[in-house]
Protein backbone atom coordinates (compact mmCIF):
# COMPACT_ATOMS: atom_id res chain seq x y z
CA UNK A 1 4.47 52.74 -40.28
CA UNK A 2 2.76 51.89 -37.01
CA UNK A 3 -0.66 52.70 -35.71
CA UNK A 4 -2.07 56.17 -35.43
CA UNK A 5 -4.00 57.43 -32.47
CA UNK A 6 -7.63 58.09 -33.23
CA UNK A 7 -10.52 59.24 -31.08
CA UNK A 8 -11.77 55.63 -31.02
CA UNK A 9 -8.44 54.30 -29.77
CA UNK A 10 -6.99 55.81 -26.60
CA UNK A 11 -3.25 56.36 -26.79
CA UNK A 12 -2.70 53.87 -23.95
CA UNK A 13 -4.49 51.15 -25.91
CA UNK A 14 -2.41 51.86 -29.03
CA UNK A 15 0.81 51.64 -27.01
CA UNK A 16 -0.20 48.40 -25.32
CA UNK A 17 -1.36 46.81 -28.57
CA UNK A 18 1.97 47.70 -30.19
CA UNK A 19 3.88 46.23 -27.24
CA UNK A 20 1.80 43.05 -27.42
CA UNK A 21 2.36 42.71 -31.18
CA UNK A 22 6.11 43.17 -30.70
CA UNK A 23 6.19 40.60 -27.91
CA UNK A 24 4.37 38.06 -30.06
CA UNK A 25 6.67 38.71 -33.02
CA UNK A 26 9.73 38.28 -30.82
CA UNK A 27 8.33 35.01 -29.49
CA UNK A 28 7.60 33.86 -33.06
CA UNK A 29 11.29 34.18 -33.95
CA UNK A 30 12.43 32.34 -30.84
CA UNK A 31 12.92 34.89 -28.07
CA UNK A 32 11.75 34.24 -24.54
CA UNK A 33 10.28 37.71 -24.12
CA UNK A 34 9.94 37.46 -20.35
CA UNK A 35 13.65 36.69 -20.05
CA UNK A 36 15.12 38.67 -22.94
CA UNK A 37 12.87 41.75 -22.75
CA UNK A 38 11.52 41.82 -19.19
CA UNK A 39 10.72 45.53 -19.31
CA UNK A 40 8.87 45.52 -22.65
CA UNK A 41 5.63 47.46 -22.21
CA UNK A 42 3.39 50.04 -23.79
CA UNK A 43 3.58 53.55 -22.37
CA UNK A 44 2.98 57.19 -23.18
CA UNK A 45 5.75 59.66 -23.91
CA UNK A 46 5.77 63.02 -22.13
CA UNK A 47 3.65 64.54 -24.88
CA UNK A 48 1.14 61.68 -24.81
CA UNK A 49 2.55 59.85 -27.84
CA UNK A 50 2.15 56.07 -27.63
CA UNK A 51 5.55 54.36 -27.27
CA UNK A 52 6.92 50.90 -26.57
CA UNK A 53 9.63 50.70 -23.95
CA UNK A 54 12.11 47.86 -24.40
CA UNK A 55 14.26 48.52 -21.37
CA UNK A 56 17.83 47.31 -21.02
CA UNK A 57 18.67 44.39 -23.32
CA UNK A 58 21.67 42.09 -22.88
CA UNK A 59 24.28 42.26 -25.63
CA UNK A 60 23.64 38.61 -26.50
CA UNK A 61 19.93 39.34 -26.98
CA UNK A 62 20.69 42.42 -29.10
CA UNK A 63 23.00 40.33 -31.28
CA UNK A 64 20.28 37.69 -31.70
CA UNK A 65 17.72 40.32 -32.67
CA UNK A 66 20.18 41.89 -35.11
CA UNK A 67 20.73 38.47 -36.72
CA UNK A 68 16.97 37.99 -37.16
CA UNK A 69 16.61 41.43 -38.73
CA UNK A 70 19.57 40.92 -41.08
CA UNK A 71 18.12 37.60 -42.26
CA UNK A 72 14.72 39.21 -42.77
CA UNK A 73 16.29 42.03 -44.78
CA UNK A 74 18.13 39.52 -46.99
CA UNK A 75 14.77 37.88 -47.70
CA UNK A 76 13.31 41.23 -48.71
CA UNK A 77 11.17 41.67 -45.61
CA UNK A 78 10.83 45.40 -44.97
CA UNK A 79 8.66 47.61 -42.75
CA UNK A 80 5.04 47.51 -43.77
CA UNK A 81 5.27 44.16 -45.59
CA UNK A 82 2.86 41.81 -43.84
């Protein structure tokens, strides 16, 4: 699951790439990322681990994302299945 940090890939780059991939995926399923997830960004945790910060999400947006994930699960889409 996810990308691993390697000497060739700085942790900041891994975090930003993950944030960008998530933003594109959210747009692909119909979200206006700038409106629904305005704080989405790559960052580093206190220990230097790459993370993606989503920020505060409106309940309506969370419900929409939950609906997308439930439909994907019903279709057999699981983590790691590209």
